[in-house]
Amino acid sequence: MADASFQKEFLETHNAYRAKHNTAKMTLNKELTTSAQKWADHLLNIAMMKHSDTKDGENIFSMSSSAPIKLTGKEAVNLWYSEIKDYKWSSPGFQGGTGHFTQVVWKDSTELGVGLATNGKQVFVVGQYRPAGNMNMPGCFEKNVRPLA
């Protein structure tokens, strides 16, 4: 389960990246956190990555190791944000391999929930976002995925 320290670092990491894109901070939402935690627990139980049927936005992270894993709230967000290197700013819109990044910085997403489930050797992190990002209507990406400030 994502304890208060993990949740705080997860939220702060999102907000630090959003600040780089001149985008307002998100707040932690208890309902989204409960939902994200349930889904992270489910993923650990089935031992596979799969999106839930939520109407909110969702990023998923998984890691496994033969050695015990101690994941921080920053690591999953860093990995998602690292997709910025593949985002084609000259052609805004949904692009394969960048949807985690665009959800992290999506301007209209204002609330965040996080779940963490681990058995010590495998970990799943679920981030849920409200309202959902990555809406692929005309102008949405230009409005919501701002270049670095």
C-alpha atoms as a PDB file:
ATOM      1  CA  MET A   1       0.000   0.000   0.000  1.00  0.00           C
ATOM      2  CA  ALA A   2       1.168   3.498  -0.790  1.00  0.00           C
ATOM      3  CA  ASP A   3       1.911   5.042   2.603  1.00  0.00           C
ATOM      4  CA  ALA A   4       1.705   8.794   3.246  1.00  0.00           C
ATOM      5  CA  SER A   5       5.391   9.309   2.425  1.00  0.00           C
ATOM      6  CA  PHE A   6       5.085   7.480  -0.924  1.00  0.00           C
ATOM      7  CA  GLN A   7       1.902   9.392  -1.786  1.00  0.00           C
ATOM      8  CA  LYS A   8       3.500  12.732  -0.915  1.00  0.00           C
ATOM      9  CA  GLU A   9       6.608  12.048  -3.022  1.00  0.00           C
ATOM     10  CA  PHE A  10       4.469  10.745  -5.926  1.00  0.00           C
ATOM     11  CA  LEU A  11       2.345  13.921  -5.883  1.00  0.00           C
ATOM     12  CA  GLU A  12       5.336  16.247  -5.433  1.00  0.00           C
ATOM     13  CA  THR A  13       7.166  14.630  -8.348  1.00  0.00           C
ATOM     14  CA  HIS A  14       4.148  15.113 -10.605  1.00  0.00           C
ATOM     15  CA  ASN A  15       3.868  18.737  -9.528  1.00  0.00           C
ATOM     16  CA  ALA A  16       7.585  19.413 -10.042  1.00  0.00           C
ATOM     17  CA  TYR A  17       7.334  18.159 -13.629  1.00  0.00           C
ATOM     18  CA  ARG A  18       4.082  20.083 -14.200  1.00  0.00           C
ATOM     19  CA  ALA A  19       5.796  23.283 -13.020  1.00  0.00           C
ATOM     20  CA  LYS A  20       8.403  22.812 -15.773  1.00  0.00           C
ATOM     21  CA  HIS A  21       5.522  23.009 -18.255  1.00  0.00           C
ATOM     22  CA  ASN A  22       3.856  26.021 -16.605  1.00  0.00           C
ATOM     23  CA  THR A  23       0.959  23.809 -15.509  1.00  0.00           C
ATOM     24  CA  ALA A  24      -0.888  24.064 -12.178  1.00  0.00           C
ATOM     25  CA  LYS A  25      -0.321  21.615  -9.347  1.00  0.00           C
ATOM     26  CA  MET A  26      -2.556  18.608  -8.813  1.00  0.00           C
ATOM     27  CA  THR A  27      -4.035  17.586  -5.478  1.00  0.00           C
ATOM     28  CA  LEU A  28      -4.318  14.118  -4.000  1.00  0.00           C
ATOM     29  CA  ASN A  29      -7.863  12.719  -4.131  1.00  0.00           C
ATOM     30  CA  LYS A  30      -8.872  10.047  -1.573  1.00  0.00           C
ATOM     31  CA  GLU A  31     -11.462   8.431  -3.845  1.00  0.00           C
ATOM     32  CA  LEU A  32      -8.946   8.125  -6.694  1.00  0.00           C
ATOM     33  CA  THR A  33      -6.314   6.801  -4.279  1.00  0.00           C
ATOM     34  CA  THR A  34      -8.724   4.124  -3.033  1.00  0.00           C
ATOM     35  CA  SER A  35      -9.522   3.137  -6.625  1.00  0.00           C
ATOM     36  CA  ALA A  36      -5.850   3.134  -7.667  1.00  0.00           C
ATOM     37  CA  GLN A  37      -4.935   1.031  -4.618  1.00  0.00           C
ATOM     38  CA  LYS A  38      -7.639  -1.542  -5.405  1.00  0.00           C
ATOM     39  CA  TRP A  39      -6.365  -1.807  -8.959  1.00  0.00           C
ATOM     40  CA  ALA A  40      -2.697  -2.097  -7.872  1.00  0.00           C
ATOM     41  CA  ASP A  41      -3.690  -4.899  -5.476  1.00  0.00           C
ATOM     42  CA  HIS A  42      -5.570  -6.637  -8.310  1.00  0.00           C
ATOM     43  CA  LEU A  43      -2.582  -6.364 -10.653  1.00  0.00           C
ATOM     44  CA  LEU A  44      -0.294  -7.905  -8.044  1.00  0.00           C
ATOM     45  CA  ASN A  45      -2.832 -10.696  -7.548  1.00  0.00           C
ATOM     46  CA  ILE A  46      -2.984 -11.513 -11.284  1.00  0.00           C
ATOM     47  CA  ALA A  47       0.743 -10.702 -11.781  1.00  0.00           C
ATOM     48  CA  MET A  48       0.241  -8.771 -14.996  1.00  0.00           C
ATOM     49  CA  MET A  49      -0.080  -5.217 -16.321  1.00  0.00           C
ATOM     50  CA  LYS A  50      -3.539  -4.283 -17.493  1.00  0.00           C
ATOM     51  CA  HIS A  51      -5.562  -1.069 -17.443  1.00  0.00           C
ATOM     52  CA  SER A  52      -8.712  -0.914 -15.346  1.00  0.00           C
ATOM     53  CA  ASP A  53     -12.058   0.141 -16.778  1.00  0.00           C
ATOM     54  CA  THR A  54     -11.939   3.521 -15.034  1.00  0.00           C
ATOM     55  CA  LYS A  55     -13.264   6.597 -16.818  1.00  0.00           C
ATOM     56  CA  ASP A  56     -10.405   8.539 -15.191  1.00  0.00           C
ATOM     57  CA  GLY A  57      -6.914   8.684 -16.668  1.00  0.00           C
ATOM     58  CA  GLU A  58      -4.522   5.933 -15.628  1.00  0.00           C
ATOM     59  CA  ASN A  59      -0.789   5.237 -15.706  1.00  0.00           C
ATOM     60  CA  ILE A  60       0.605   1.852 -14.638  1.00  0.00           C
ATOM     61  CA  PHE A  61       4.133   0.878 -13.646  1.00  0.00           C
ATOM     62  CA  SER A  62       5.534  -2.564 -12.856  1.00  0.00           C
ATOM     63  CA  MET A  63       8.918  -3.792 -11.756  1.00  0.00           C
ATOM     64  CA  SER A  64      10.219  -7.161 -10.635  1.00  0.00           C
ATOM     65  CA  SER A  65      13.510  -8.378  -9.235  1.00  0.00           C
ATOM     66  CA  SER A  66      15.018 -11.390  -7.549  1.00  0.00           C
ATOM     67  CA  ALA A  67      16.249  -8.983  -4.859  1.00  0.00           C
ATOM     68  CA  PRO A  68      13.823  -7.134  -2.571  1.00  0.00           C
ATOM     69  CA  ILE A  69      12.436  -3.971  -4.161  1.00  0.00           C
ATOM     70  CA  LYS A  70      12.140  -0.690  -2.290  1.00  0.00           C
ATOM     71  CA  LEU A  71      10.468   1.698  -4.718  1.00  0.00           C
ATOM     72  CA  THR A  72      10.083   5.407  -4.043  1.00  0.00           C
ATOM     73  CA  GLY A  73       7.168   7.582  -5.087  1.00  0.00           C
ATOM     74  CA  LYS A  74       9.469   9.360  -7.514  1.00  0.00           C
ATOM     75  CA  GLU A  75      10.717   6.404  -9.568  1.00  0.00           C
ATOM     76  CA  ALA A  76       7.526   5.499 -11.461  1.00  0.00           C
ATOM     77  CA  VAL A  77       6.783   9.163 -12.211  1.00  0.00           C
ATOM     78  CA  ASN A  78      10.354   9.681 -13.464  1.00  0.00           C
ATOM     79  CA  LEU A  79       9.981   6.736 -15.836  1.00  0.00           C
ATOM     80  CA  TRP A  80       6.641   8.018 -17.158  1.00  0.00           C
ATOM     81  CA  TYR A  81       7.985  11.538 -17.599  1.00  0.00           C
ATOM     82  CA  SER A  82      11.098  10.265 -19.414  1.00  0.00           C
ATOM     83  CA  GLU A  83       8.864   9.604 -22.442  1.00  0.00           C
ATOM     84  CA  ILE A  84       9.162  13.368 -23.138  1.00  0.00           C
ATOM     85  CA  LYS A  85      12.221  12.527 -25.238  1.00  0.00           C
ATOM     86  CA  ASP A  86       9.958  10.779 -27.784  1.00  0.00           C
ATOM     87  CA  TYR A  87       7.152  13.354 -27.882  1.00  0.00           C
ATOM     88  CA  LYS A  88       6.913  15.101 -31.251  1.00  0.00           C
ATOM     89  CA  TRP A  89       6.214  18.722 -30.330  1.00  0.00           C
ATOM     90  CA  SER A  90       5.933  19.645 -34.015  1.00  0.00           C
ATOM     91  CA  SER A  91       2.999  17.255 -34.370  1.00  0.00           C
ATOM     92  CA  PRO A  92       0.956  17.409 -31.123  1.00  0.00           C
ATOM     93  CA  GLY A  93      -1.486  14.597 -30.468  1.00  0.00           C
ATOM     94  CA  PHE A  94      -1.645  11.100 -29.056  1.00  0.00           C
ATOM     95  CA  GLN A  95       1.547   9.247 -29.917  1.00  0.00           C
ATOM     96  CA  GLY A  96       2.567   5.700 -29.080  1.00  0.00           C
ATOM     97  CA  GLY A  97       5.128   5.559 -26.307  1.00  0.00           C
ATOM     98  CA  THR A  98       4.386   9.010 -24.852  1.00  0.00           C
ATOM     99  CA  GLY A  99       0.940   8.647 -23.249  1.00  0.00           C
ATOM    100  CA  HIS A 100       2.335   8.295 -19.713  1.00  0.00           C
ATOM    101  CA  PHE A 101       4.300  11.531 -20.095  1.00  0.00           C
ATOM    102  CA  THR A 102       1.378  13.464 -21.549  1.00  0.00           C
ATOM    103  CA  GLN A 103      -0.917  12.287 -18.727  1.00  0.00           C
ATOM    104  CA  VAL A 104       1.585  13.428 -16.074  1.00  0.00           C
ATOM    105  CA  VAL A 105       1.663  16.987 -17.453  1.00  0.00           C
ATOM    106  CA  TRP A 106      -1.931  17.173 -18.824  1.00  0.00           C
ATOM    107  CA  LYS A 107      -3.081  20.670 -17.861  1.00  0.00           C
ATOM    108  CA  ASP A 108      -6.777  19.872 -17.328  1.00  0.00           C
ATOM    109  CA  SER A 109      -6.039  16.959 -14.944  1.00  0.00           C
ATOM    110  CA  THR A 110      -6.271  18.484 -11.474  1.00  0.00           C
ATOM    111  CA  GLU A 111      -6.616  15.477  -9.145  1.00  0.00           C
ATOM    112  CA  LEU A 112      -4.448  12.427  -8.637  1.00  0.00           C
ATOM    113  CA  GLY A 113      -4.707   9.100  -6.847  1.00  0.00           C
ATOM    114  CA  VAL A 114      -1.977   6.524  -6.310  1.00  0.00           C
ATOM    115  CA  GLY A 115      -1.857   2.859  -5.403  1.00  0.00           C
ATOM    116  CA  LEU A 116       1.128   0.636  -4.659  1.00  0.00           C
ATOM    117  CA  ALA A 117       1.116  -3.136  -4.258  1.00  0.00           C
ATOM    118  CA  THR A 118       4.139  -5.345  -3.698  1.00  0.00           C
ATOM    119  CA  ASN A 119       5.096  -8.788  -2.507  1.00  0.00           C
ATOM    120  CA  GLY A 120       8.729  -7.707  -2.084  1.00  0.00           C
ATOM    121  CA  LYS A 121       9.892  -9.079  -5.448  1.00  0.00           C
ATOM    122  CA  GLN A 122       7.274  -7.531  -7.733  1.00  0.00           C
ATOM    123  CA  VAL A 123       5.680  -4.103  -7.488  1.00  0.00           C
ATOM    124  CA  PHE A 124       2.802  -2.371  -9.238  1.00  0.00           C
ATOM    125  CA  VAL A 125       2.109   1.369  -9.107  1.00  0.00           C
ATOM    126  CA  VAL A 126      -1.144   2.814 -10.417  1.00  0.00           C
ATOM    127  CA  GLY A 127      -1.709   6.520 -10.922  1.00  0.00           C
ATOM    128  CA  GLN A 128      -5.256   7.682 -11.640  1.00  0.00           C
ATOM    129  CA  TYR A 129      -6.052  11.178 -12.924  1.00  0.00           C
ATOM    130  CA  ARG A 130      -9.189  13.317 -12.977  1.00  0.00           C
ATOM    131  CA  PRO A 131     -10.278  14.551 -15.367  1.00  0.00           C
ATOM    132  CA  ALA A 132      -8.607  12.055 -17.685  1.00  0.00           C
ATOM    133  CA  GLY A 133      -5.888  13.285 -19.990  1.00  0.00           C
ATOM    134  CA  ASN A 134      -4.920  12.224 -23.489  1.00  0.00           C
ATOM    135  CA  MET A 135      -8.205  13.361 -25.000  1.00  0.00           C
ATOM    136  CA  ASN A 136      -7.563  13.239 -28.728  1.00  0.00           C
ATOM    137  CA  MET A 137      -9.979  15.882 -29.958  1.00  0.00           C
ATOM    138  CA  PRO A 138      -8.725  18.750 -32.137  1.00  0.00           C
ATOM    139  CA  GLY A 139      -6.656  21.200 -30.119  1.00  0.00           C
ATOM    140  CA  CYS A 140      -6.623  19.177 -26.892  1.00  0.00           C
ATOM    141  CA  PHE A 141      -2.957  18.240 -26.947  1.00  0.00           C
ATOM    142  CA  GLU A 142      -1.870  21.744 -27.923  1.00  0.00           C
ATOM    143  CA  LYS A 143      -3.873  23.160 -24.993  1.00  0.00           C
ATOM    144  CA  ASN A 144      -2.914  20.531 -22.397  1.00  0.00           C
ATOM    145  CA  VAL A 145       0.648  19.415 -23.176  1.00  0.00           C
ATOM    146  CA  ARG A 146       2.682  22.576 -22.857  1.00  0.00           C
ATOM    147  CA  PRO A 147       6.308  22.785 -23.892  1.00  0.00           C
ATOM    148  CA  LEU A 148       8.998  23.252 -21.271  1.00  0.00           C
ATOM    149  CA  ALA A 149       8.763  26.750 -19.815  1.00  0.00           C
END
